[in-house]
Amino acid sequence: MALALAILLFLTIALVVFSFGAAAYAPFSVLGSRLRALGWQKAQPQEKPAFKDRLEQALDPLSRALPLSPSEVSRTRKWLIQAGYREPRHLTIYVGARVLLALVGMVSVIAVKGNLDLLLMIGVGGFGFFIPRFVLKRRIRSRQRRITLALPDALDLTVICVEVGLALDQALMRVGEDLRHAHPDLSDEFHLVNLEMRAGKPRAEALRNLVDRTGVDDVRALVATLVQTDRFGTSVSQALRIHSDSLRTERRQRAEEQAAKTTIKMIIPLVLFVLPSIIFVTLGPAIIQLFRILAPGAH
């Protein structure tokens, strides 16, 4: 009797302990959540903010120190979008970086010279102020060049997709997916066009926004062709094929123009670097020999 009572007591205590542990460690348990709220479980460490977030927080006061008109903000935001920076914080980082570099330039002048040279401070500060704009313009041109190089492949794929029976919206979506790894910039732009059309924007407006986001002349010509095709109801595949042929002709003429300019551009390096070397190599030994012959007579 005593043995049975001891076994029953042991099983009861084990069942209570097991039930309490299961209730405490269950992920959706009310008891477990209350125990964690009371501090029985250590609080999870908060994740540190990303570097971009910390940079934005650091540059936000500096960006507010530079007053910008709405037209300047709109123009700067357009430049940032053309460079591939679409988030609102990029404007804060860009403006804050300009102010920070200007301040660093003026402080560097004071630290190096030890006195207040106003003219030099203005010059160095202005140089630092315009460095981010120079970098931004370089990024815009680089991205536009990549989009220009990717456009013929995109046109060929679009023509194939339209000829097999896909609508223009579906063709742009498929082309954007296929070009994601080879040409990510143009793929992102096609993805945004599809998102805008899904959101309810007319096709013409979404395509014009594509022109504003890229600023590429070839894209502007393509959008004009697609808008006219949609307006007059002509064949999309035929229009795209004709535009693709004209685009290849323009690219060939552009390459021939650059090749023709090469001879003119090579004149300055030839005169500055190659011609003096040729003169020294050809006339140097003759001048040395002439000096050896005439030098004894000169004495």
Protein backbone atom coordinates (compact mmCIF):
# COMPACT_ATOMS: atom_id res chain seq x y z
CA MET A 1 0.00 0.00 0.00
CA ALA A 2 2.82 2.39 0.87
CA LEU A 3 4.65 1.49 -2.35
CA ALA A 4 1.56 2.19 -4.49
CA LEU A 5 1.05 5.53 -2.73
CA ALA A 6 4.69 6.49 -3.32
CA ILE A 7 4.45 5.60 -7.02
CA LEU A 8 1.21 7.59 -7.39
CA LEU A 9 2.78 10.59 -5.64
CA PHE A 10 5.85 10.39 -7.92
CA LEU A 11 3.74 10.21 -11.07
CA THR A 12 1.62 13.16 -9.90
CA ILE A 13 4.67 15.33 -9.19
CA ALA A 14 6.29 14.34 -12.51
CA LEU A 15 3.08 15.15 -14.42
CA VAL A 16 2.81 18.56 -12.71
CA VAL A 17 6.46 19.40 -13.46
CA PHE A 18 6.12 18.24 -17.08
CA SER A 19 2.91 20.25 -17.57
CA PHE A 20 4.45 23.39 -16.07
CA GLY A 21 7.56 23.07 -18.25
CA ALA A 22 5.54 22.45 -21.40
CA ALA A 23 3.31 25.44 -20.65
CA ALA A 24 6.30 27.68 -19.94
CA TYR A 25 8.34 26.76 -23.03
CA ALA A 26 5.52 26.49 -25.56
CA PRO A 27 5.85 29.29 -28.16
CA PHE A 28 2.18 30.33 -28.02
CA SER A 29 1.61 29.64 -24.32
CA VAL A 30 -0.10 32.32 -22.23
CA LEU A 31 1.84 31.26 -19.15
CA GLY A 32 5.11 31.40 -21.05
CA SER A 33 4.37 34.87 -22.40
CA ARG A 34 3.51 36.12 -18.92
CA LEU A 35 6.70 34.67 -17.48
CA ARG A 36 8.75 36.25 -20.25
CA ALA A 37 7.00 39.57 -19.65
CA LEU A 38 7.84 39.41 -15.95
CA GLY A 39 11.50 38.98 -16.77
CA TRP A 40 11.82 35.25 -16.26
CA GLN A 41 13.30 35.03 -19.74
CA LYS A 42 16.01 37.44 -20.86
CA ALA A 43 14.92 40.07 -23.30
CA GLN A 44 16.13 39.64 -26.84
CA PRO A 45 18.88 42.12 -27.73
CA GLN A 46 17.71 44.86 -30.07
CA GLU A 47 19.20 44.80 -33.51
CA LYS A 48 21.52 47.65 -34.34
CA PRO A 49 20.32 49.98 -37.05
CA ALA A 50 21.84 49.52 -40.47
CA PHE A 51 24.70 51.70 -41.66
CA LYS A 52 22.45 53.61 -44.06
CA ASP A 53 20.01 54.39 -41.26
CA ARG A 54 22.79 55.63 -38.98
CA LEU A 55 24.24 57.67 -41.84
CA GLU A 56 20.85 59.23 -42.51
CA GLN A 57 20.43 60.11 -38.83
CA ALA A 58 23.89 61.70 -38.76
CA LEU A 59 23.41 63.74 -41.96
CA ASP A 60 19.80 64.78 -41.35
CA PRO A 61 20.70 67.93 -39.31
CA LEU A 62 23.22 68.98 -41.96
CA SER A 63 20.70 68.50 -44.76
CA ARG A 64 18.18 70.66 -42.90
CA ALA A 65 20.79 73.39 -42.55
CA LEU A 66 20.83 73.91 -46.34
CA PRO A 67 17.63 75.64 -47.49
CA LEU A 68 16.34 74.26 -50.77
CA SER A 69 13.46 75.53 -52.87
CA PRO A 70 10.80 73.07 -54.07
CA SER A 71 12.16 73.28 -57.61
CA GLU A 72 15.68 72.42 -56.44
CA VAL A 73 14.35 69.51 -54.37
CA SER A 74 12.39 68.22 -57.37
CA ARG A 75 15.40 68.54 -59.67
CA THR A 76 17.73 66.84 -57.19
CA ARG A 77 15.26 64.02 -56.60
CA LYS A 78 14.98 63.54 -60.37
CA TRP A 79 18.78 63.27 -60.64
CA LEU A 80 18.87 60.75 -57.82
CA ILE A 81 16.17 58.64 -59.47
CA GLN A 82 18.07 58.72 -62.77
CA ALA A 83 21.15 57.49 -60.88
CA GLY A 84 19.12 54.63 -59.36
CA TYR A 85 18.53 56.08 -55.87
CA ARG A 86 14.76 56.08 -55.37
CA GLU A 87 14.36 56.07 -51.59
CA PRO A 88 13.51 59.35 -49.79
CA ARG A 89 16.49 59.04 -47.47
CA HIS A 90 18.89 59.29 -50.41
CA LEU A 91 17.99 62.98 -50.77
CA THR A 92 18.88 63.57 -47.12
CA ILE A 93 22.18 61.70 -47.49
CA TYR A 94 23.07 63.58 -50.68
CA VAL A 95 22.35 67.07 -49.32
CA GLY A 96 23.96 66.27 -45.96
CA ALA A 97 27.09 64.94 -47.71
CA ARG A 98 27.44 68.18 -49.66
CA VAL A 99 27.24 70.30 -46.50
CA LEU A 100 29.58 67.94 -44.60
CA LEU A 101 32.27 67.99 -47.29
CA ALA A 102 32.07 71.77 -47.49
CA LEU A 103 32.56 72.06 -43.72
CA VAL A 104 35.40 69.52 -43.77
CA GLY A 105 37.14 71.50 -46.51
CA MET A 106 36.95 74.78 -44.59
CA VAL A 107 38.08 73.17 -41.33
CA SER A 108 40.99 71.52 -43.16
CA VAL A 109 42.14 74.90 -44.46
CA ILE A 110 42.09 76.33 -40.92
CA ALA A 111 43.94 73.28 -39.56
CA VAL A 112 46.64 73.38 -42.23
CA LYS A 113 47.28 77.13 -42.48
CA GLY A 114 46.53 78.05 -38.87
CA ASN A 115 44.74 81.28 -39.81
CA LEU A 116 41.53 82.37 -41.48
CA ASP A 117 42.22 82.61 -45.20
CA LEU A 118 38.72 83.49 -46.36
CA LEU A 119 39.35 83.12 -50.10
CA LEU A 120 40.99 79.71 -49.74
CA MET A 121 38.27 78.53 -47.36
CA ILE A 122 35.58 79.49 -49.85
CA GLY A 123 37.43 77.77 -52.69
CA VAL A 124 38.08 74.50 -50.82
CA GLY A 125 34.62 74.51 -49.27
CA GLY A 126 33.00 75.09 -52.66
CA PHE A 127 35.07 72.26 -54.15
CA GLY A 128 33.91 69.91 -51.40
CA PHE A 129 30.33 71.13 -51.87
CA PHE A 130 30.33 70.21 -55.57
CA ILE A 131 32.06 66.80 -55.24
CA PRO A 132 28.79 64.90 -54.53
CA ARG A 133 27.14 66.51 -57.56
CA PHE A 134 30.07 65.49 -59.75
CA VAL A 135 29.87 61.91 -58.45
CA LEU A 136 26.10 61.89 -58.96
CA LYS A 137 26.46 63.06 -62.57
CA ARG A 138 29.00 60.31 -63.19
CA ARG A 139 26.63 57.72 -61.77
CA ILE A 140 23.80 59.04 -63.97
CA ARG A 141 25.91 58.82 -67.12
CA SER A 142 27.14 55.35 -66.21
CA ARG A 143 23.60 54.09 -65.62
CA GLN A 144 22.33 55.68 -68.82
CA ARG A 145 25.15 54.01 -70.73
CA ARG A 146 24.23 50.62 -69.28
CA ILE A 147 20.57 51.12 -70.18
CA THR A 148 21.51 52.19 -73.71
CA LEU A 149 23.61 49.06 -74.17
CA ALA A 150 20.83 46.86 -72.79
CA LEU A 151 18.05 48.32 -74.93
CA PRO A 152 18.74 46.34 -78.19
CA ASP A 153 18.56 43.02 -76.33
CA ALA A 154 15.36 44.13 -74.63
CA LEU A 155 13.82 45.16 -77.96
CA ASP A 156 14.67 41.81 -79.57
CA LEU A 157 13.12 39.90 -76.67
CA THR A 158 10.06 42.16 -76.71
CA VAL A 159 9.54 41.57 -80.42
CA ILE A 160 9.74 37.80 -79.88
CA CYS A 161 7.29 37.93 -76.96
CA VAL A 162 4.80 40.08 -78.88
CA GLU A 163 4.98 37.93 -81.98
CA VAL A 164 4.19 34.74 -80.04
CA GLY A 165 0.97 36.30 -78.75
CA LEU A 166 1.78 38.11 -75.49
CA ALA A 167 0.35 41.53 -74.79
CA LEU A 168 2.73 44.45 -74.42
CA ASP A 169 2.36 44.56 -70.63
CA GLN A 170 3.09 40.85 -70.28
CA ALA A 171 5.95 41.12 -72.78
CA LEU A 172 7.59 43.89 -70.74
CA MET A 173 7.17 41.82 -67.59
CA ARG A 174 8.73 38.75 -69.20
CA VAL A 175 11.60 40.75 -70.69
CA GLY A 176 12.28 42.34 -67.31
CA GLU A 177 12.49 38.91 -65.69
CA ASP A 178 14.79 37.55 -68.40
CA LEU A 179 17.16 40.54 -68.19
CA ARG A 180 17.38 40.60 -64.40
CA HIS A 181 20.91 39.17 -64.27
CA ALA A 182 22.32 40.48 -67.55
CA HIS A 183 20.94 44.04 -67.37
CA PRO A 184 19.53 44.74 -63.88
CA ASP A 185 19.01 48.49 -64.43
CA LEU A 186 16.65 48.09 -67.38
CA SER A 187 14.99 45.12 -65.69
CA ASP A 188 14.16 47.27 -62.65
CA GLU A 189 12.71 49.99 -64.87
CA PHE A 190 10.47 47.50 -66.70
CA HIS A 191 9.37 46.13 -63.33
CA LEU A 192 8.40 49.61 -62.17
CA VAL A 193 6.45 50.19 -65.40
CA ASN A 194 4.47 47.01 -64.77
CA LEU A 195 3.81 48.00 -61.16
CA GLU A 196 2.48 51.39 -62.24
CA MET A 197 0.19 49.84 -64.85
CA ARG A 198 -1.06 47.32 -62.29
CA ALA A 199 -1.78 50.19 -59.90
CA GLY A 200 -4.10 51.73 -62.47
CA LYS A 201 -1.98 54.21 -64.37
CA PRO A 202 -2.53 54.43 -68.12
CA ARG A 203 0.11 52.79 -70.24
CA ALA A 204 1.16 56.08 -71.86
CA GLU A 205 1.70 57.75 -68.48
CA ALA A 206 3.67 54.77 -67.14
CA LEU A 207 5.90 54.80 -70.23
CA ARG A 208 6.48 58.56 -69.93
CA ASN A 209 7.50 58.04 -66.32
CA LEU A 210 10.03 55.52 -67.63
CA VAL A 211 11.55 58.29 -69.77
CA ASP A 212 11.73 60.63 -66.77
CA ARG A 213 13.40 57.99 -64.60
CA THR A 214 16.08 57.11 -67.16
CA GLY A 215 16.69 60.26 -69.23
CA VAL A 216 17.94 58.16 -72.16
CA ASP A 217 17.20 59.40 -75.68
CA ASP A 218 16.79 55.89 -77.07
CA VAL A 219 14.21 55.09 -74.39
CA ARG A 220 12.39 58.34 -75.22
CA ALA A 221 12.22 57.33 -78.89
CA LEU A 222 10.98 53.85 -77.95
CA VAL A 223 8.28 55.27 -75.69
CA ALA A 224 7.15 57.67 -78.42
CA THR A 225 6.84 54.73 -80.82
CA LEU A 226 4.84 52.65 -78.33
CA VAL A 227 2.53 55.55 -77.45
CA GLN A 228 1.80 56.28 -81.11
CA THR A 229 1.22 52.58 -81.78
CA ASP A 230 -1.21 52.37 -78.89
CA ARG A 231 -2.99 55.54 -79.99
CA PHE A 232 -3.44 54.65 -83.66
CA GLY A 233 -3.94 50.90 -83.17
CA THR A 234 -1.15 49.73 -85.46
CA SER A 235 0.84 46.52 -85.10
CA VAL A 236 3.09 46.57 -82.05
CA SER A 237 5.46 43.89 -83.31
CA GLN A 238 5.99 45.65 -86.64
CA ALA A 239 6.59 48.99 -84.93
CA LEU A 240 9.07 47.43 -82.52
CA ARG A 241 10.90 45.66 -85.33
CA ILE A 242 11.21 48.87 -87.35
CA HIS A 243 12.36 50.77 -84.28
CA SER A 244 14.90 48.04 -83.50
CA ASP A 245 16.36 48.32 -86.99
CA SER A 246 16.54 52.10 -86.76
CA LEU A 247 18.15 51.82 -83.33
CA ARG A 248 20.86 49.54 -84.69
CA THR A 249 21.45 51.98 -87.55
CA GLU A 250 21.79 54.86 -85.08
CA ARG A 251 24.20 52.89 -82.93
CA ARG A 252 26.35 52.04 -85.96
CA GLN A 253 26.40 55.69 -87.04
CA ARG A 254 27.27 56.72 -83.49
CA ALA A 255 30.15 54.25 -83.44
CA GLU A 256 31.40 55.53 -86.80
CA GLU A 257 31.23 59.09 -85.47
CA GLN A 258 33.27 58.16 -82.41
CA ALA A 259 35.80 56.40 -84.63
CA ALA A 260 36.10 59.48 -86.84
CA LYS A 261 36.72 61.66 -83.78
CA THR A 262 39.53 59.40 -82.62
CA THR A 263 42.05 60.77 -85.13
CA ILE A 264 41.44 64.32 -83.95
CA LYS A 265 41.64 63.34 -80.28
CA MET A 266 44.97 61.56 -80.84
CA ILE A 267 46.70 64.73 -82.05
CA ILE A 268 47.29 66.19 -78.57
CA PRO A 269 48.83 63.00 -77.05
CA LEU A 270 50.97 62.55 -80.14
CA VAL A 271 52.30 66.11 -80.00
CA LEU A 272 52.90 66.05 -76.24
CA PHE A 273 54.32 62.56 -75.72
CA VAL A 274 55.24 60.81 -78.96
CA LEU A 275 56.70 63.61 -81.08
CA PRO A 276 59.34 64.76 -78.51
CA SER A 277 60.52 61.16 -78.10
CA ILE A 278 60.86 60.75 -81.86
CA ILE A 279 62.80 64.01 -82.09
CA PHE A 280 65.19 62.98 -79.33
CA VAL A 281 65.74 59.53 -80.82
CA THR A 282 66.32 60.72 -84.39
CA LEU A 283 68.20 64.00 -83.81
CA GLY A 284 69.93 63.13 -80.53
CA PRO A 285 72.84 61.08 -81.97
CA ALA A 286 73.42 63.61 -84.76
CA ILE A 287 73.57 66.50 -82.28
CA ILE A 288 76.00 64.58 -80.05
CA GLN A 289 78.26 63.75 -83.02
CA LEU A 290 78.14 67.34 -84.25
CA PHE A 291 79.07 68.58 -80.80
CA ARG A 292 82.04 66.21 -80.64
CA ILE A 293 83.29 67.40 -84.04
CA LEU A 294 82.88 71.14 -83.39
CA ALA A 295 83.84 71.18 -79.72
CA PRO A 296 87.67 70.97 -80.27
CA GLY A 297 87.56 73.78 -82.80
CA ALA A 298 85.60 75.92 -80.38
CA HIS A 299 88.49 75.82 -77.89
